[in-house]
Amino acid sequence: MNRRRFLRDIGIWGIALGLSYPFLKFVVAKRYRPPRKIHIRDILEAGQFLVEPEFVLFDTPRGPLAVSRTCTHLGCRINYQEGERIFLCPCHQSRFSWNGRYISGPAKRNLTRFTVKTLADKKGYLVLL
């Protein structure tokens, strides 16, 4: 290898790396998404629940609990079965307990729980998705 070929190869690699840096930076970078805030004006009594399109809100003795309605298997919208107190996925029959814990089916993870804050003077709830 002579000096001219060596310098040419170094130049080509330098240009290639320089041009690929912005692309790699875009692909690898994680984007910050602030949590969405959903205001619930209803006041739940102990043992009651509220079904929303993205979550189900329960009032428990430990405080309010919001459980996602998105199945952890393939992202299907799951239904809450009030009589059995379980979540049931209509796509592949994954089952979860009322508090989002995995019971059976192809999904292997628990449902996502969202942060819930009680509004001042107990006038409702603030759910952070």
C-alpha atoms as a PDB file:
ATOM      1  CA  MET A   1       0.000   0.000   0.000  1.00  0.00           C
ATOM      2  CA  ASN A   2       1.484   3.298  -0.978  1.00  0.00           C
ATOM      3  CA  ARG A   3       0.976   6.666   0.694  1.00  0.00           C
ATOM      4  CA  ARG A   4      -1.447   8.007  -1.917  1.00  0.00           C
ATOM      5  CA  ARG A   5      -3.834   5.034  -1.577  1.00  0.00           C
ATOM      6  CA  PHE A   6      -3.642   5.188   2.222  1.00  0.00           C
ATOM      7  CA  LEU A   7      -4.587   8.889   2.281  1.00  0.00           C
ATOM      8  CA  ARG A   8      -7.418   8.288  -0.217  1.00  0.00           C
ATOM      9  CA  ASP A   9      -8.846   5.464   1.926  1.00  0.00           C
ATOM     10  CA  ILE A  10      -8.644   7.596   5.074  1.00  0.00           C
ATOM     11  CA  GLY A  11     -10.455  10.427   3.243  1.00  0.00           C
ATOM     12  CA  ILE A  12     -13.225   8.139   1.995  1.00  0.00           C
ATOM     13  CA  TRP A  13     -13.799   6.673   5.473  1.00  0.00           C
ATOM     14  CA  GLY A  14     -13.761  10.145   7.031  1.00  0.00           C
ATOM     15  CA  ILE A  15     -16.380  11.446   4.601  1.00  0.00           C
ATOM     16  CA  ALA A  16     -18.527   8.314   5.015  1.00  0.00           C
ATOM     17  CA  LEU A  17     -18.466   8.599   8.812  1.00  0.00           C
ATOM     18  CA  GLY A  18     -19.102  12.331   8.676  1.00  0.00           C
ATOM     19  CA  LEU A  19     -22.148  11.893   6.446  1.00  0.00           C
ATOM     20  CA  SER A  20     -23.559   8.954   8.420  1.00  0.00           C
ATOM     21  CA  TYR A  21     -23.317  10.694  11.831  1.00  0.00           C
ATOM     22  CA  PRO A  22     -26.532  12.769  11.457  1.00  0.00           C
ATOM     23  CA  PHE A  23     -28.467   9.701  10.299  1.00  0.00           C
ATOM     24  CA  LEU A  24     -27.233   7.580  13.222  1.00  0.00           C
ATOM     25  CA  LYS A  25     -27.936  10.402  15.663  1.00  0.00           C
ATOM     26  CA  PHE A  26     -31.528  10.584  14.402  1.00  0.00           C
ATOM     27  CA  VAL A  27     -32.109   6.822  14.562  1.00  0.00           C
ATOM     28  CA  VAL A  28     -30.552   6.237  17.981  1.00  0.00           C
ATOM     29  CA  ALA A  29     -31.785   9.359  19.793  1.00  0.00           C
ATOM     30  CA  LYS A  30     -34.597   8.864  22.290  1.00  0.00           C
ATOM     31  CA  ARG A  31     -37.308  11.435  22.112  1.00  0.00           C
ATOM     32  CA  TYR A  32     -38.785  12.811  25.314  1.00  0.00           C
ATOM     33  CA  ARG A  33     -42.551  12.789  25.401  1.00  0.00           C
ATOM     34  CA  PRO A  34     -44.115  14.602  28.348  1.00  0.00           C
ATOM     35  CA  PRO A  35     -46.952  12.717  30.050  1.00  0.00           C
ATOM     36  CA  ARG A  36     -50.484  13.480  28.933  1.00  0.00           C
ATOM     37  CA  LYS A  37     -52.781  14.686  31.684  1.00  0.00           C
ATOM     38  CA  ILE A  38     -56.388  13.551  31.793  1.00  0.00           C
ATOM     39  CA  HIS A  39     -58.740  15.224  34.254  1.00  0.00           C
ATOM     40  CA  ILE A  40     -61.511  13.048  35.673  1.00  0.00           C
ATOM     41  CA  ARG A  41     -64.257  15.105  37.320  1.00  0.00           C
ATOM     42  CA  ASP A  42     -66.183  12.115  38.719  1.00  0.00           C
ATOM     43  CA  ILE A  43     -65.690  11.162  42.343  1.00  0.00           C
ATOM     44  CA  LEU A  44     -65.495   7.413  42.910  1.00  0.00           C
ATOM     45  CA  GLU A  45     -66.629   5.731  46.093  1.00  0.00           C
ATOM     46  CA  ALA A  46     -64.622   2.877  47.592  1.00  0.00           C
ATOM     47  CA  GLY A  47     -64.946  -0.187  45.339  1.00  0.00           C
ATOM     48  CA  GLN A  48     -66.230   1.730  42.306  1.00  0.00           C
ATOM     49  CA  PHE A  49     -64.502   1.979  38.935  1.00  0.00           C
ATOM     50  CA  LEU A  50     -64.645   4.155  35.833  1.00  0.00           C
ATOM     51  CA  VAL A  51     -63.949   2.808  32.330  1.00  0.00           C
ATOM     52  CA  GLU A  52     -62.228   5.282  30.013  1.00  0.00           C
ATOM     53  CA  PRO A  53     -61.005   4.610  26.430  1.00  0.00           C
ATOM     54  CA  GLU A  54     -57.349   4.213  27.486  1.00  0.00           C
ATOM     55  CA  PHE A  55     -57.574   3.034  31.099  1.00  0.00           C
ATOM     56  CA  VAL A  56     -59.838   1.883  33.910  1.00  0.00           C
ATOM     57  CA  LEU A  57     -59.775   3.918  37.121  1.00  0.00           C
ATOM     58  CA  PHE A  58     -60.376   2.104  40.417  1.00  0.00           C
ATOM     59  CA  ASP A  59     -60.773   3.554  43.885  1.00  0.00           C
ATOM     60  CA  THR A  60     -59.057   1.264  46.369  1.00  0.00           C
ATOM     61  CA  PRO A  61     -58.404   1.562  50.110  1.00  0.00           C
ATOM     62  CA  ARG A  62     -54.791   2.460  49.237  1.00  0.00           C
ATOM     63  CA  GLY A  63     -55.939   5.214  46.876  1.00  0.00           C
ATOM     64  CA  PRO A  64     -56.881   5.546  43.201  1.00  0.00           C
ATOM     65  CA  LEU A  65     -55.390   3.138  40.650  1.00  0.00           C
ATOM     66  CA  ALA A  66     -55.441   3.509  36.842  1.00  0.00           C
ATOM     67  CA  VAL A  67     -54.761   0.398  34.747  1.00  0.00           C
ATOM     68  CA  SER A  68     -54.123   0.516  30.998  1.00  0.00           C
ATOM     69  CA  ARG A  69     -56.595  -1.062  28.580  1.00  0.00           C
ATOM     70  CA  THR A  70     -53.834  -1.948  26.081  1.00  0.00           C
ATOM     71  CA  CYS A  71     -52.820  -5.620  26.041  1.00  0.00           C
ATOM     72  CA  THR A  72     -49.103  -6.250  26.520  1.00  0.00           C
ATOM     73  CA  HIS A  73     -49.142  -9.050  23.939  1.00  0.00           C
ATOM     74  CA  LEU A  74     -50.063  -7.278  20.662  1.00  0.00           C
ATOM     75  CA  GLY A  75     -51.586  -3.989  21.801  1.00  0.00           C
ATOM     76  CA  CYS A  76     -55.264  -4.915  21.474  1.00  0.00           C
ATOM     77  CA  ARG A  77     -57.868  -2.900  23.395  1.00  0.00           C
ATOM     78  CA  ILE A  78     -58.936  -5.076  26.321  1.00  0.00           C
ATOM     79  CA  ASN A  79     -62.270  -5.139  28.140  1.00  0.00           C
ATOM     80  CA  TYR A  80     -62.967  -5.098  31.857  1.00  0.00           C
ATOM     81  CA  GLN A  81     -65.344  -7.857  32.930  1.00  0.00           C
ATOM     82  CA  GLU A  82     -67.117  -6.436  35.978  1.00  0.00           C
ATOM     83  CA  GLY A  83     -68.723  -9.686  37.135  1.00  0.00           C
ATOM     84  CA  GLU A  84     -65.432 -11.622  37.194  1.00  0.00           C
ATOM     85  CA  ARG A  85     -63.288  -8.572  38.080  1.00  0.00           C
ATOM     86  CA  ILE A  86     -60.776  -9.354  35.309  1.00  0.00           C
ATOM     87  CA  PHE A  87     -59.476  -7.777  32.123  1.00  0.00           C
ATOM     88  CA  LEU A  88     -59.974  -9.984  29.065  1.00  0.00           C
ATOM     89  CA  CYS A  89     -58.265  -9.449  25.701  1.00  0.00           C
ATOM     90  CA  PRO A  90     -60.700 -10.179  22.843  1.00  0.00           C
ATOM     91  CA  CYS A  91     -57.868 -10.996  20.390  1.00  0.00           C
ATOM     92  CA  HIS A  92     -56.026 -13.851  22.103  1.00  0.00           C
ATOM     93  CA  GLN A  93     -57.833 -14.271  25.450  1.00  0.00           C
ATOM     94  CA  SER A  94     -55.069 -12.972  27.702  1.00  0.00           C
ATOM     95  CA  ARG A  95     -56.423 -12.486  31.199  1.00  0.00           C
ATOM     96  CA  PHE A  96     -55.370  -9.979  33.827  1.00  0.00           C
ATOM     97  CA  SER A  97     -56.632  -9.347  37.365  1.00  0.00           C
ATOM     98  CA  TRP A  98     -58.488  -6.135  38.204  1.00  0.00           C
ATOM     99  CA  ASN A  99     -55.217  -4.463  39.244  1.00  0.00           C
ATOM    100  CA  GLY A 100     -53.432  -5.395  35.985  1.00  0.00           C
ATOM    101  CA  ARG A 101     -51.507  -8.483  37.079  1.00  0.00           C
ATOM    102  CA  TYR A 102     -51.000 -11.195  34.434  1.00  0.00           C
ATOM    103  CA  ILE A 103     -53.120 -14.350  34.949  1.00  0.00           C
ATOM    104  CA  SER A 104     -52.999 -16.366  31.708  1.00  0.00           C
ATOM    105  CA  GLY A 105     -52.725 -16.213  27.936  1.00  0.00           C
ATOM    106  CA  PRO A 106     -50.011 -15.302  25.452  1.00  0.00           C
ATOM    107  CA  ALA A 107     -49.202 -11.957  27.127  1.00  0.00           C
ATOM    108  CA  LYS A 108     -46.417 -12.395  29.674  1.00  0.00           C
ATOM    109  CA  ARG A 109     -46.264  -8.937  31.293  1.00  0.00           C
ATOM    110  CA  ASN A 110     -48.603  -7.092  33.634  1.00  0.00           C
ATOM    111  CA  LEU A 111     -50.690  -4.220  32.318  1.00  0.00           C
ATOM    112  CA  THR A 112     -49.240  -0.736  32.630  1.00  0.00           C
ATOM    113  CA  ARG A 113     -50.299   1.275  35.659  1.00  0.00           C
ATOM    114  CA  PHE A 114     -50.589   5.027  35.372  1.00  0.00           C
ATOM    115  CA  THR A 115     -49.906   7.627  38.037  1.00  0.00           C
ATOM    116  CA  VAL A 116     -53.085   9.028  39.578  1.00  0.00           C
ATOM    117  CA  LYS A 117     -53.323  12.115  41.749  1.00  0.00           C
ATOM    118  CA  THR A 118     -56.407  13.186  43.680  1.00  0.00           C
ATOM    119  CA  LEU A 119     -57.327  16.791  42.932  1.00  0.00           C
ATOM    120  CA  ALA A 120     -57.601  19.341  45.727  1.00  0.00           C
ATOM    121  CA  ASP A 121     -60.724  19.073  47.898  1.00  0.00           C
ATOM    122  CA  LYS A 122     -61.343  15.604  46.407  1.00  0.00           C
ATOM    123  CA  LYS A 123     -63.087  17.040  43.333  1.00  0.00           C
ATOM    124  CA  GLY A 124     -61.767  14.424  40.952  1.00  0.00           C
ATOM    125  CA  TYR A 125     -58.567  12.819  39.716  1.00  0.00           C
ATOM    126  CA  LEU A 126     -55.628  13.632  37.468  1.00  0.00           C
ATOM    127  CA  VAL A 127     -54.298  10.647  35.483  1.00  0.00           C
ATOM    128  CA  LEU A 128     -50.830  10.936  33.922  1.00  0.00           C
ATOM    129  CA  LEU A 129     -50.481   8.756  30.809  1.00  0.00           C
END
